[in-house]
Protein backbone atom coordinates (compact mmCIF):
# COMPACT_ATOMS: atom_id res chain seq x y z
CA MET A 1 19.23 -2.64 33.17
CA TYR A 2 21.96 -5.29 33.25
CA MET A 3 24.34 -6.88 30.80
CA VAL A 4 24.36 -10.66 31.07
CA MET A 5 27.29 -12.62 29.69
CA CYS A 6 27.69 -16.36 29.47
CA VAL A 7 30.68 -18.20 28.04
CA LEU A 8 29.27 -21.59 27.11
CA ASP A 9 31.84 -24.38 27.18
CA ASN A 10 29.75 -27.10 25.52
CA CYS A 11 28.66 -25.85 22.11
CA ASP A 12 26.09 -28.64 21.81
CA LEU A 13 24.05 -26.96 24.56
CA LEU A 14 23.57 -23.65 22.73
CA ASP A 15 20.00 -24.17 21.54
CA ALA A 16 18.88 -25.56 24.90
CA LEU A 17 20.44 -22.57 26.68
CA LEU A 18 18.82 -20.08 24.29
CA ASP A 19 15.45 -21.76 24.84
CA ALA A 20 15.95 -21.65 28.63
CA TRP A 21 16.85 -17.95 28.57
CA GLU A 22 13.84 -17.19 26.38
CA ALA A 23 11.58 -19.10 28.78
CA ALA A 24 13.08 -17.05 31.64
CA GLY A 25 12.10 -13.83 29.86
CA VAL A 26 15.14 -12.84 27.80
CA SER A 27 14.02 -11.31 24.51
CA GLY A 28 17.30 -11.18 22.58
CA VAL A 29 20.81 -12.61 22.69
CA THR A 30 23.95 -11.80 20.72
CA ILE A 31 26.17 -14.84 20.10
CA PHE A 32 29.91 -14.87 19.40
CA GLU A 33 32.17 -17.80 18.65
CA SER A 34 35.03 -17.49 21.11
CA THR A 35 37.95 -19.27 22.70
CA GLY A 36 40.11 -18.88 25.79
CA VAL A 37 43.83 -18.35 26.09
CA GLN A 38 44.50 -21.87 27.41
CA ARG A 39 42.66 -23.52 24.52
CA ARG A 40 44.39 -21.21 22.06
CA ARG A 41 47.77 -22.22 23.40
CA ALA A 42 46.82 -25.90 23.33
CA LYS A 43 45.65 -25.59 19.71
CA ARG A 44 49.03 -24.28 18.59
CA LYS A 45 50.51 -27.62 19.69
CA ARG A 46 48.24 -29.77 17.51
CA ILE A 47 47.56 -29.90 13.79
CA PRO A 48 44.06 -28.59 13.05
CA VAL A 49 41.94 -30.80 10.82
CA ARG A 50 38.59 -29.56 9.56
CA PHE A 51 36.29 -31.24 7.10
CA PRO A 52 33.70 -29.34 5.02
CA PHE A 53 30.81 -31.30 6.49
CA GLU A 54 31.70 -30.05 9.99
CA GLN A 55 30.64 -26.51 9.17
CA GLY A 56 27.05 -25.38 9.28
CA PRO A 57 24.80 -23.00 11.14
CA PHE A 58 26.04 -22.50 14.70
CA HIS A 59 28.93 -24.92 14.33
CA CYS A 60 31.37 -23.96 17.07
CA LEU A 61 34.73 -23.42 15.37
CA GLU A 62 36.47 -21.80 18.33
CA ASP A 63 35.40 -24.08 21.20
CA HIS A 64 33.00 -21.72 23.01
CA TYR A 65 30.04 -19.48 22.47
CA THR A 66 29.84 -16.18 24.30
CA LEU A 67 26.30 -14.92 24.79
CA LEU A 68 25.41 -11.32 25.63
CA SER A 69 22.01 -9.93 26.52
CA VAL A 70 20.63 -6.74 28.02
CA VAL A 71 17.97 -7.55 30.60
CA GLU A 72 15.68 -5.29 32.58
CA SER A 73 16.20 -6.38 36.19
CA ALA A 74 18.35 -8.15 38.74
CA ASP A 75 15.51 -10.66 39.06
CA LEU A 76 15.89 -11.55 35.38
CA VAL A 77 19.68 -11.86 35.83
CA ASP A 78 19.01 -14.40 38.61
CA LYS A 79 16.53 -16.29 36.41
CA CYS A 80 19.13 -16.44 33.62
CA ALA A 81 21.78 -17.74 36.02
CA LYS A 82 19.45 -20.47 37.29
CA ALA A 83 18.36 -21.38 33.75
CA THR A 84 22.02 -21.58 32.71
CA GLU A 85 22.94 -23.94 35.55
CA LYS A 86 19.88 -26.08 34.78
CA ILE A 87 21.30 -26.62 31.28
CA VAL A 88 25.08 -26.75 31.85
CA GLY A 89 25.24 -27.93 35.45
CA ASP A 90 26.93 -26.29 38.42
CA LEU A 91 29.07 -23.45 37.07
CA THR A 92 31.67 -24.05 39.78
CA ASN A 93 32.50 -27.33 38.01
CA PRO A 94 35.10 -27.33 35.24
CA ASN A 95 34.09 -27.31 31.58
CA THR A 96 30.65 -25.81 32.16
CA GLY A 97 31.04 -22.11 31.47
CA ILE A 98 31.17 -18.68 33.01
CA PHE A 99 28.20 -16.49 33.88
CA ALA A 100 28.51 -12.81 34.78
CA ALA A 101 26.29 -9.75 34.92
CA TRP A 102 26.82 -6.07 35.61
CA PRO A 103 24.62 -2.98 35.79
CA LEU A 104 24.38 -0.64 32.81
CA THR A 105 24.14 3.11 33.23
CA ILE A 106 22.91 3.91 29.70
CA VAL A 107 21.34 1.74 27.01
CA TYR A 108 20.28 2.97 23.57
CA GLY A 109 18.67 0.99 20.81
CA LEU A 110 16.09 -1.06 22.64
CA PRO A 111 12.63 -0.90 21.09
CA LYS A 112 10.66 0.68 23.94
CA LYS A 113 12.74 3.70 24.96
CA ARG A 114 16.21 4.89 25.98
CA TYR A 115 17.08 3.47 29.38
CA SER A 116 19.44 5.06 31.86
CA ALA A 117 20.30 4.51 35.50
CA GLN A 118 18.80 7.88 36.38
CA GLU A 119 15.43 6.87 34.91
CA GLY A 120 15.25 3.61 36.90
């Protein structure tokens, strides 16, 4: 089992990225509105203006979305990475996002069973 994390820079691409991950085999994603330290510091220098019509479902108030998902295999991690770059472009380019994954030793709460590194 692996944790997959993606910090999506362009909030307008959220639905396309979720669709791409689902097509790759991801069954669930947790989504957080987020921002980075550089954008936070830049925001302190400008006067924020928000209008009521700007808010709605999945309106990105903090400049990024951070997506987290537990996936079953390294193969699925690779599929997610490729699906992400298909939507956002080459992640080595600026203003695209960050993709990371790491192995999990124990996972509780998934529908099928309790997963652990010892079980495979």
